[in-house]
Amino acid sequence: MAKDEDSTADEGSFNPLSALLAQQANREQQVAAMAELAGALRDYYTAVVAEGFDEDQALELTMAFQTDALHQSHDA
């Protein structure tokens, strides 16, 4: 019985580490997704300005694009 209790205690000690590793992986995925979104927003803004929109219009359109992109990512 003592051996079973020890192995359970040992297994329990790994749970916090595995949880921390999972949290870190999740954060890294979120950072990568935000970096990808930032790049897409930059490219979109640049393209809108290149099409002749002024900076205020381009910013407004880019913000709408961002809102749509965020809604789509939450729906997925």
Protein backbone atom coordinates (compact mmCIF):
# COMPACT_ATOMS: atom_id res chain seq x y z
CA MET A 1 0.00 0.00 0.00
CA ALA A 2 2.75 2.42 0.87
CA LYS A 3 4.27 1.92 -2.56
CA ASP A 4 0.98 2.81 -4.27
CA GLU A 5 0.65 5.93 -2.15
CA ASP A 6 4.21 6.96 -3.05
CA SER A 7 3.61 6.48 -6.77
CA THR A 8 0.42 8.53 -6.55
CA ALA A 9 2.29 11.28 -4.75
CA ASP A 10 5.03 11.18 -7.40
CA GLU A 11 2.49 11.38 -10.21
CA GLY A 12 0.82 14.30 -8.48
CA SER A 13 4.07 16.21 -8.37
CA PHE A 14 4.20 16.20 -12.17
CA ASN A 15 0.75 17.69 -12.63
CA PRO A 16 1.77 21.26 -11.80
CA LEU A 17 4.73 21.04 -14.20
CA SER A 18 2.60 19.63 -17.01
CA ALA A 19 -0.02 22.30 -16.35
CA LEU A 20 2.64 25.01 -16.51
CA LEU A 21 3.99 23.59 -19.76
CA ALA A 22 0.48 23.51 -21.23
CA GLN A 23 -0.09 27.12 -20.17
CA GLN A 24 3.23 28.15 -21.72
CA ALA A 25 2.36 26.39 -24.98
CA ASN A 26 -1.03 28.13 -24.99
CA ARG A 27 0.62 31.52 -24.43
CA GLU A 28 3.07 30.86 -27.25
CA GLN A 29 0.18 29.98 -29.59
CA GLN A 30 -1.64 33.17 -28.59
CA VAL A 31 1.46 35.29 -29.16
CA ALA A 32 2.00 33.71 -32.57
CA ALA A 33 -1.64 34.32 -33.51
CA MET A 34 -1.45 37.95 -32.39
CA ALA A 35 1.78 38.46 -34.35
CA GLU A 36 0.11 36.98 -37.42
CA LEU A 37 -2.90 39.28 -36.95
CA ALA A 38 -0.63 42.31 -36.48
CA GLY A 39 1.13 41.49 -39.74
CA ALA A 40 -2.18 41.07 -41.54
CA LEU A 41 -3.43 44.40 -40.19
CA ARG A 42 -0.24 46.16 -41.26
CA ASP A 43 -0.51 44.67 -44.76
CA TYR A 44 -4.22 45.53 -44.98
CA TYR A 45 -3.62 49.13 -43.87
CA THR A 46 -0.77 49.51 -46.37
CA ALA A 47 -2.94 48.13 -49.18
CA VAL A 48 -5.85 50.44 -48.30
CA VAL A 49 -3.57 53.50 -48.31
CA ALA A 50 -2.07 52.34 -51.61
CA GLU A 51 -5.60 52.26 -53.06
CA GLY A 52 -5.90 55.98 -52.37
CA PHE A 53 -7.75 56.15 -49.07
CA ASP A 54 -6.54 58.76 -46.62
CA GLU A 55 -5.02 57.65 -43.33
CA ASP A 56 -8.21 58.20 -41.30
CA GLN A 57 -10.28 56.14 -43.73
CA ALA A 58 -7.58 53.47 -43.87
CA LEU A 59 -7.50 53.27 -40.08
CA GLU A 60 -11.28 52.98 -39.90
CA LEU A 61 -11.32 50.23 -42.54
CA THR A 62 -8.45 48.43 -40.82
CA MET A 63 -10.27 48.52 -37.49
CA ALA A 64 -13.34 47.01 -39.16
CA PHE A 65 -11.11 44.35 -40.74
CA GLN A 66 -9.62 43.60 -37.31
CA THR A 67 -13.05 43.28 -35.73
CA ASP A 68 -14.15 40.86 -38.45
CA ALA A 69 -10.94 38.84 -38.12
CA LEU A 70 -11.34 38.57 -34.36
CA HIS A 71 -14.99 37.49 -34.65
CA GLN A 72 -14.05 34.85 -37.21
CA SER A 73 -11.27 33.49 -34.99
CA HIS A 74 -13.66 33.22 -32.03
CA ASP A 75 -16.28 31.49 -34.16
CA ALA A 76 -13.77 28.88 -35.35
